[in-house]
Amino acid sequence: MRLKDKVALITGAASGIGKEIAEAYAAEGAKVCIADLKLDAGQAAADSIVKAGGTAMAVEMDVTDEAAVNAGVAAMVDAYGGVDILISNAGIQHISSLIDLEFDAWKKLLAIHLDGAFLTSKACLRVMKESGNGGSVIMMGSAHSKVASPLKAPYVTAKHGLLGLARVIAVEGAAYGVRSNVICPGFVRTPLVEKQIPEQARDLGITEEEVVKNVMLKDTVDGEFSTVNDIAETAVFLAAFPTNALTGQSIVVSHGWFME
């Protein structure tokens, strides 16, 4: 029970990586708040955790809307008394060449990834500072926080930006015991990645099988996708780490696709 009685806010947690982290945190004793754009989906994920013996609630949250973020954080604090861990996980993908990329698509993706991380961090950091108990902020970056790939200009830009935000939080939050780190997954076969496969096949003029083998997994050491469980275990480790010795860092979980 590495996270016993800790309170965790996880955005984009109705499915995929966020849902797996929520389940792993609950299994480790945390009280989990699932924040998602779709309340019904978030509530279903929370109900599943409760049925398994964990503690969870759901809030509807558009992470690009400051009022919605503040309201969701306030609801969690009212229910659980505070917040100890933030997982900024909400995100989308958009596949397009840079010259064909619509400005609205660029702005939407950056808003969800970067504005969302900023607004949720700001709201949670205020609570962490007031409590005097410190905390852990974890950004969901990507191997694309380190490298570039074609057709992903806004995504690569946003994921690089999360590194900078996390490092500022590490510096500013140290005074009141808050650590901040970034998890950088390689390709994880989530619904978000499944959607990319036919899109990249279309834009690159290759088959879906070639996208998986020759684009997504080409540079891994074993031709394997990372799993949602791999990412969740890393998130537990970072949240449970006891000191500021591990802060302002990024951990790549990619089967060797990117090595630092």
Protein backbone atom coordinates (compact mmCIF):
# COMPACT_ATOMS: atom_id res chain seq x y z
CA MET A 1 0.00 0.00 0.00
CA ARG A 2 2.56 2.52 -1.17
CA LEU A 3 -0.03 5.29 -1.57
CA LYS A 4 -2.25 4.59 1.43
CA ASP A 5 -4.66 7.48 2.08
CA LYS A 6 -3.07 9.71 -0.55
CA VAL A 7 -5.48 11.70 -2.72
CA ALA A 8 -4.82 11.61 -6.46
CA LEU A 9 -6.38 13.66 -9.26
CA ILE A 10 -5.94 11.99 -12.65
CA THR A 11 -7.11 13.76 -15.79
CA GLY A 12 -8.26 11.88 -18.87
CA ALA A 13 -8.73 8.84 -16.64
CA ALA A 14 -11.90 7.28 -18.07
CA SER A 15 -9.86 5.09 -20.41
CA GLY A 16 -6.38 4.15 -21.56
CA ILE A 17 -3.30 5.07 -19.54
CA GLY A 18 -5.21 7.31 -17.14
CA LYS A 19 -7.66 4.57 -16.22
CA GLU A 20 -4.85 2.08 -15.63
CA ILE A 21 -3.05 4.56 -13.36
CA ALA A 22 -6.27 5.21 -11.43
CA GLU A 23 -6.74 1.47 -10.86
CA ALA A 24 -3.10 1.00 -9.84
CA TYR A 25 -3.28 3.93 -7.42
CA ALA A 26 -6.49 2.65 -5.85
CA ALA A 27 -4.90 -0.79 -5.42
CA GLU A 28 -2.04 0.94 -3.58
CA GLY A 29 -4.48 2.60 -1.16
CA ALA A 30 -5.01 6.01 -2.78
CA LYS A 31 -8.30 7.86 -2.97
CA VAL A 32 -8.70 8.54 -6.66
CA CYS A 33 -10.52 11.34 -8.43
CA ILE A 34 -11.12 10.57 -12.09
CA ALA A 35 -11.41 13.76 -14.12
CA ASP A 36 -12.71 13.39 -17.64
CA LEU A 37 -14.51 15.41 -20.27
CA LYS A 38 -17.30 12.81 -20.23
CA LEU A 39 -18.74 12.42 -16.73
CA ASP A 40 -20.56 9.18 -17.53
CA ALA A 41 -17.36 7.50 -18.68
CA GLY A 42 -15.46 8.82 -15.68
CA GLN A 43 -18.17 7.62 -13.31
CA ALA A 44 -18.11 4.16 -14.89
CA ALA A 45 -14.35 3.98 -14.29
CA ALA A 46 -14.80 5.15 -10.70
CA ASP A 47 -17.58 2.63 -10.09
CA SER A 48 -15.32 -0.14 -11.35
CA ILE A 49 -12.64 0.85 -8.85
CA VAL A 50 -15.14 0.98 -5.99
CA LYS A 51 -16.50 -2.43 -6.97
CA ALA A 52 -12.95 -3.79 -6.74
CA GLY A 53 -12.65 -2.44 -3.19
CA GLY A 54 -10.97 0.91 -3.88
CA THR A 55 -12.00 4.50 -3.21
CA ALA A 56 -12.84 6.65 -6.21
CA MET A 57 -15.00 9.48 -7.44
CA ALA A 58 -15.50 11.19 -10.79
CA VAL A 59 -15.68 14.82 -11.82
CA GLU A 60 -16.49 16.32 -15.19
CA MET A 61 -13.57 18.46 -16.30
CA ASP A 62 -12.61 20.30 -19.45
CA VAL A 63 -8.95 20.89 -18.64
CA THR A 64 -8.83 23.93 -20.93
CA ASP A 65 -11.52 25.70 -18.88
CA GLU A 66 -10.14 27.30 -15.71
CA ALA A 67 -13.52 27.46 -14.00
CA ALA A 68 -14.17 23.78 -14.73
CA VAL A 69 -10.72 22.81 -13.44
CA ASN A 70 -11.15 24.81 -10.24
CA ALA A 71 -14.63 23.39 -9.67
CA GLY A 72 -13.41 19.81 -10.15
CA VAL A 73 -10.48 20.29 -7.79
CA ALA A 74 -12.79 21.91 -5.21
CA ALA A 75 -15.19 18.95 -5.42
CA MET A 76 -12.33 16.53 -4.83
CA VAL A 77 -11.00 18.54 -1.89
CA ASP A 78 -14.50 18.68 -0.36
CA ALA A 79 -14.82 14.90 -0.69
CA TYR A 80 -11.32 13.79 0.29
CA GLY A 81 -9.83 16.72 2.20
CA GLY A 82 -6.99 17.67 -0.11
CA VAL A 83 -4.77 16.51 -2.95
CA ASP A 84 -1.39 14.80 -2.79
CA ILE A 85 -0.83 13.70 -6.39
CA LEU A 86 -1.72 15.19 -9.76
CA ILE A 87 -1.42 13.14 -12.93
CA SER A 88 -1.78 15.49 -15.90
CA ASN A 89 -2.73 12.90 -18.50
CA ALA A 90 -5.52 14.36 -20.67
CA GLY A 91 -4.46 14.56 -24.29
CA ILE A 92 -5.34 14.12 -27.94
CA GLN A 93 -3.42 13.48 -31.13
CA HIS A 94 -3.68 15.08 -34.58
CA ILE A 95 -1.93 13.64 -37.64
CA SER A 96 -1.07 16.10 -40.39
CA SER A 97 1.89 17.49 -42.26
CA LEU A 98 2.90 20.90 -41.00
CA ILE A 99 2.03 22.69 -44.23
CA ASP A 100 -1.48 21.19 -44.21
CA LEU A 101 -2.09 21.63 -40.48
CA GLU A 102 -5.03 23.86 -39.64
CA PHE A 103 -4.36 26.54 -37.04
CA ASP A 104 -7.47 25.55 -35.05
CA ALA A 105 -6.17 21.97 -34.78
CA TRP A 106 -2.80 23.27 -33.58
CA LYS A 107 -4.43 25.49 -30.94
CA LYS A 108 -6.81 22.76 -29.72
CA LEU A 109 -4.06 20.21 -29.16
CA LEU A 110 -1.75 22.66 -27.39
CA ALA A 111 -4.64 23.87 -25.22
CA ILE A 112 -5.49 20.37 -24.00
CA HIS A 113 -1.91 19.30 -23.35
CA LEU A 114 -0.27 22.52 -22.15
CA ASP A 115 -3.09 24.75 -20.91
CA GLY A 116 -4.60 21.71 -19.22
CA ALA A 117 -1.35 20.85 -17.47
CA PHE A 118 -0.90 24.47 -16.38
CA LEU A 119 -4.44 24.93 -15.06
CA THR A 120 -4.61 21.64 -13.17
CA SER A 121 -1.11 22.17 -11.74
CA LYS A 122 -1.97 25.68 -10.62
CA ALA A 123 -5.15 24.55 -8.86
CA CYS A 124 -3.54 21.54 -7.19
CA LEU A 125 -0.36 23.36 -6.18
CA ARG A 126 -2.41 25.91 -4.26
CA VAL A 127 -4.00 23.12 -2.23
CA MET A 128 -0.67 21.35 -1.72
CA LYS A 129 0.99 24.54 -0.50
CA GLU A 130 -1.83 25.36 1.91
CA SER A 131 -1.87 21.85 3.34
CA GLY A 132 1.83 21.84 4.17
CA ASN A 133 1.99 18.16 3.25
CA GLY A 134 3.84 18.50 -0.05
CA GLY A 135 2.90 16.39 -3.04
CA SER A 136 3.79 15.01 -6.43
CA VAL A 137 2.93 16.41 -9.86
CA ILE A 138 3.40 13.99 -12.73
CA MET A 139 3.06 15.06 -16.36
CA MET A 140 2.28 12.51 -19.04
CA GLY A 141 4.87 13.36 -21.63
CA SER A 142 6.04 11.08 -24.41
CA ALA A 143 9.15 9.84 -26.12
CA HIS A 144 8.15 12.73 -28.38
CA SER A 145 9.15 14.99 -25.50
CA LYS A 146 12.67 14.06 -26.62
CA VAL A 147 12.52 13.47 -30.36
CA ALA A 148 10.46 14.51 -33.38
CA SER A 149 8.40 12.47 -35.81
CA PRO A 150 6.74 13.55 -39.04
CA LEU A 151 3.06 14.50 -39.08
CA LYS A 152 2.97 15.37 -35.36
CA ALA A 153 4.05 19.01 -35.08
CA PRO A 154 1.60 20.15 -32.36
CA TYR A 155 1.97 16.93 -30.35
CA VAL A 156 5.77 17.04 -30.37
CA THR A 157 5.69 20.74 -29.47
CA ALA A 158 3.27 20.17 -26.59
CA LYS A 159 5.16 17.20 -25.19
CA HIS A 160 8.43 19.13 -25.28
CA GLY A 161 6.67 21.96 -23.46
CA LEU A 162 5.60 19.70 -20.60
CA LEU A 163 9.25 19.11 -19.74
CA GLY A 164 9.75 22.83 -19.20
CA LEU A 165 6.60 23.22 -17.12
CA ALA A 166 7.49 20.25 -14.92
CA ARG A 167 10.96 21.63 -14.29
CA VAL A 168 9.59 25.01 -13.24
CA ILE A 169 7.17 23.27 -10.87
CA ALA A 170 10.09 21.26 -9.45
CA VAL A 171 12.00 24.47 -8.71
CA GLU A 172 9.06 26.48 -7.34
CA GLY A 173 7.38 23.58 -5.55
CA ALA A 174 10.48 22.45 -3.67
CA ALA A 175 9.91 25.15 -1.04
CA TYR A 176 6.71 23.39 0.06
CA GLY A 177 7.69 19.80 -0.60
CA VAL A 178 6.26 19.27 -4.07
CA ARG A 179 8.10 17.08 -6.57
CA SER A 180 7.43 17.22 -10.31
CA ASN A 181 8.41 14.68 -12.94
CA VAL A 182 7.46 13.58 -16.45
CA ILE A 183 6.71 10.07 -17.69
CA CYS A 184 7.64 9.69 -21.34
CA PRO A 185 6.02 6.59 -22.84
CA GLY A 186 6.89 5.18 -26.21
CA PHE A 187 4.05 3.73 -28.23
CA VAL A 188 1.38 2.24 -25.99
CA ARG A 189 -1.49 0.51 -27.77
CA THR A 190 -4.27 2.71 -26.40
CA PRO A 191 -7.32 3.95 -28.34
CA LEU A 192 -5.32 7.10 -29.12
CA VAL A 193 -2.56 5.08 -30.78
CA GLU A 194 -5.01 2.72 -32.50
CA LYS A 195 -6.55 5.78 -34.17
CA GLN A 196 -3.13 6.90 -35.42
CA ILE A 197 -2.34 3.68 -37.26
CA PRO A 198 -4.76 4.11 -40.19
CA GLU A 199 -4.14 7.88 -40.24
CA GLN A 200 -0.39 7.41 -40.64
CA ALA A 201 -0.91 4.63 -43.18
CA ARG A 202 -2.98 7.03 -45.25
CA ASP A 203 -0.61 9.98 -44.98
CA LEU A 204 2.57 7.93 -45.48
CA GLY A 205 1.14 5.76 -48.25
CA ILE A 206 1.96 2.46 -46.52
CA THR A 207 -0.01 -0.36 -44.93
CA GLU A 208 -1.16 -0.36 -41.32
CA GLU A 209 1.14 -3.30 -40.62
CA GLU A 210 4.07 -1.28 -41.97
CA VAL A 211 3.12 1.65 -39.73
CA VAL A 212 3.32 -0.60 -36.67
CA LYS A 213 6.51 -2.44 -37.66
CA ASN A 214 8.49 0.20 -39.55
CA VAL A 215 7.34 3.45 -37.94
CA MET A 216 6.08 2.89 -34.41
CA LEU A 217 8.23 -0.02 -33.25
CA LYS A 218 11.18 0.19 -35.64
CA ASP A 219 13.61 1.59 -33.07
CA THR A 220 12.57 -0.49 -30.04
CA VAL A 221 14.95 -3.20 -28.87
CA ASP A 222 12.35 -5.95 -29.16
CA GLY A 223 9.58 -4.78 -31.50
CA GLU A 224 7.11 -4.54 -28.63
CA PHE A 225 4.60 -1.91 -27.55
CA SER A 226 4.90 -0.58 -24.03
CA THR A 227 1.82 -1.44 -21.97
CA VAL A 228 -0.54 0.64 -19.88
CA ASN A 229 0.65 -1.38 -16.89
CA ASP A 230 4.26 -0.35 -17.60
CA ILE A 231 3.22 3.29 -17.41
CA ALA A 232 1.03 2.80 -14.33
CA GLU A 233 3.87 1.11 -12.44
CA THR A 234 6.14 4.05 -13.27
CA ALA A 235 3.46 6.46 -12.03
CA VAL A 236 3.19 4.58 -8.73
CA PHE A 237 6.97 4.66 -8.30
CA LEU A 238 7.17 8.40 -8.89
CA ALA A 239 4.23 9.24 -6.64
CA ALA A 240 5.56 7.08 -3.80
CA PHE A 241 9.16 8.32 -4.00
CA PRO A 242 9.86 9.79 -0.55
CA THR A 243 12.16 12.78 -1.17
CA ASN A 244 13.01 15.65 -3.50
CA ALA A 245 16.02 13.68 -4.75
CA LEU A 246 13.88 12.67 -7.73
CA THR A 247 12.33 15.84 -9.11
CA GLY A 248 12.49 17.77 -12.36
CA GLN A 249 13.26 14.52 -14.18
CA SER A 250 11.82 12.60 -17.10
CA ILE A 251 11.60 8.82 -17.31
CA VAL A 252 11.33 7.25 -20.75
CA VAL A 253 9.32 4.00 -20.88
CA SER A 254 9.71 2.91 -24.49
CA HIS A 255 11.36 -0.53 -24.90
CA GLY A 256 14.52 1.35 -25.81
CA TRP A 257 12.93 3.36 -28.60
CA PHE A 258 14.60 6.41 -27.09
CA MET A 259 17.59 6.08 -24.75
CA GLU A 260 19.01 8.93 -22.71
